[in-house]
Amino acid sequence: MTEHRVPPPSVSGVDVDEKTRCEHYHSDLDIIAIRLKCCGEFYACKECHDVLADHPLESWPRTAFDTRAILCGNCSAQLTISAYLECNSRCPECAAEFNPRCSLHHHFYFSDV
C-alpha cells in the first residue's frame, strides 16, 4: 500500500527556508514555526508576522493548548502547544533539537506561561 503524505503547510515570513528559519532567527536550532491564533497562519516568528500581517498578534489562551499550532521544520510534524511546551526543546517525533532560547518569547505566543 502506498503511503500518502500531506505536504507541510506553508510558512509565512521574511526569507523563510525549507526548515522554517527566517531573516530574524536562522541558527541551526531555529526550526519551528507557529500557527498564530489571530490569523490561523503559520509564521516563522513574531517579527515576520509584525512585518507581513495587517493585524496585531494574539496569543493562544491556555484553554487552546491542545491545538496543533507548532510545526517542526525538520520533519513537518504538527505539535500541540502543550506537547511543544513540554518537549524540552526537542521534537517528540524526530528528536531534532529546537532552540531553547525560544522560551524567552513564549509570552508573545501563549497566554499564562
Protein backbone atom coordinates (compact mmCIF):
# COMPACT_ATOMS: atom_id res chain seq x y z
CA MET A 1 0.00 0.00 0.00
CA THR A 2 1.34 3.44 -0.91
CA GLU A 3 1.59 5.94 1.91
CA HIS A 4 0.07 9.31 1.09
CA ARG A 5 1.87 12.15 2.80
CA VAL A 6 0.26 15.51 3.23
CA PRO A 7 2.60 18.30 2.21
CA PRO A 8 3.68 20.55 5.06
CA PRO A 9 1.73 23.78 5.44
CA SER A 10 3.24 26.93 4.01
CA VAL A 11 5.10 29.17 6.44
CA SER A 12 4.98 32.92 6.04
CA GLY A 13 7.96 35.06 6.88
CA VAL A 14 10.90 37.02 5.59
CA ASP A 15 13.39 34.84 3.68
CA VAL A 16 11.97 31.59 5.10
CA ASP A 17 13.96 28.47 4.21
CA GLU A 18 12.83 24.84 3.96
CA LYS A 19 13.38 24.32 7.72
CA THR A 20 11.27 27.38 8.71
CA ARG A 21 14.26 29.59 9.58
CA CYS A 22 13.85 33.25 8.67
CA GLU A 23 15.75 36.52 8.41
CA HIS A 24 15.28 37.11 12.15
CA TYR A 25 16.07 33.63 13.53
CA HIS A 26 18.29 31.44 11.40
CA SER A 27 20.53 29.29 13.59
CA ASP A 28 20.60 25.53 13.06
CA LEU A 29 18.16 25.22 16.00
CA ASP A 30 15.59 27.76 14.78
CA ILE A 31 13.40 25.13 13.13
CA ILE A 32 9.88 25.74 14.38
CA ALA A 33 7.02 27.78 13.01
CA ILE A 34 3.93 28.80 14.92
CA ARG A 35 0.32 28.86 13.73
CA LEU A 36 -0.88 32.14 15.16
CA LYS A 37 -4.24 32.47 16.87
CA CYS A 38 -5.02 35.81 15.25
CA CYS A 39 -4.95 34.58 11.65
CA GLY A 40 -4.56 30.80 11.72
CA GLU A 41 -1.44 31.04 9.54
CA PHE A 42 1.99 29.60 10.26
CA TYR A 43 4.71 32.21 10.67
CA ALA A 44 8.41 31.70 11.20
CA CYS A 45 8.41 34.20 14.09
CA LYS A 46 6.69 37.16 15.71
CA GLU A 47 8.88 39.63 13.85
CA CYS A 48 7.89 38.12 10.50
CA HIS A 49 4.22 38.46 11.49
CA ASP A 50 4.79 42.08 12.53
CA VAL A 51 6.35 42.84 9.13
CA LEU A 52 3.85 40.98 6.92
CA ALA A 53 0.46 40.89 8.66
CA ASP A 54 -2.08 43.68 8.72
CA HIS A 55 -3.26 42.95 12.26
CA PRO A 56 -1.80 42.61 15.77
CA LEU A 57 -0.53 39.30 17.09
CA GLU A 58 -2.80 37.43 19.52
CA SER A 59 -1.59 34.82 21.97
CA TRP A 60 -3.16 31.39 22.43
CA PRO A 61 -5.11 31.04 25.70
CA ARG A 62 -4.32 28.10 27.96
CA THR A 63 -7.70 26.57 27.05
CA ALA A 64 -6.42 26.11 23.48
CA PHE A 65 -3.11 24.41 24.32
CA ASP A 66 -4.41 21.20 22.70
CA THR A 67 -4.30 22.98 19.32
CA ARG A 68 -1.74 21.73 16.81
CA ALA A 69 -0.02 25.07 16.39
CA ILE A 70 3.69 24.21 16.25
CA LEU A 71 5.37 22.97 13.09
CA CYS A 72 8.71 21.16 13.28
CA GLY A 73 10.82 22.47 10.42
CA ASN A 74 12.80 19.25 10.36
CA CYS A 75 10.06 16.60 10.00
CA SER A 76 6.91 18.73 9.44
CA ALA A 77 5.18 17.26 12.50
CA GLN A 78 2.43 19.49 13.83
CA LEU A 79 2.63 19.52 17.62
CA THR A 80 0.07 20.69 20.11
CA ILE A 81 1.10 23.72 22.11
CA SER A 82 1.20 21.55 25.25
CA ALA A 83 3.45 18.97 23.58
CA TYR A 84 5.78 21.72 22.43
CA LEU A 85 5.94 23.38 25.85
CA GLU A 86 6.72 20.01 27.46
CA CYS A 87 9.23 18.70 24.89
CA ASN A 88 12.47 20.02 26.41
CA SER A 89 13.42 21.77 23.15
CA ARG A 90 13.42 18.55 21.13
CA CYS A 91 10.83 17.38 18.61
CA PRO A 92 8.92 14.42 20.09
CA GLU A 93 8.52 12.99 16.57
CA CYS A 94 12.03 13.19 15.06
CA ALA A 95 14.19 14.25 18.05
CA ALA A 96 15.51 17.33 16.22
CA GLU A 97 16.76 19.95 18.63
CA PHE A 98 14.85 23.23 18.92
CA ASN A 99 16.37 26.48 20.12
CA PRO A 100 15.88 26.52 23.93
CA ARG A 101 16.02 30.33 23.84
CA CYS A 102 12.61 30.33 22.10
CA SER A 103 11.19 30.01 25.60
CA LEU A 104 12.13 33.67 26.11
CA HIS A 105 9.39 34.53 23.58
CA HIS A 106 6.63 32.20 24.75
CA HIS A 107 4.75 35.09 26.37
CA PHE A 108 4.14 36.57 22.91
CA TYR A 109 2.52 33.40 21.59
CA PHE A 110 0.99 31.67 24.62
CA SER A 111 -1.01 33.21 27.48
CA ASP A 112 -0.34 32.18 31.07
CA VAL A 113 3.08 30.54 30.55
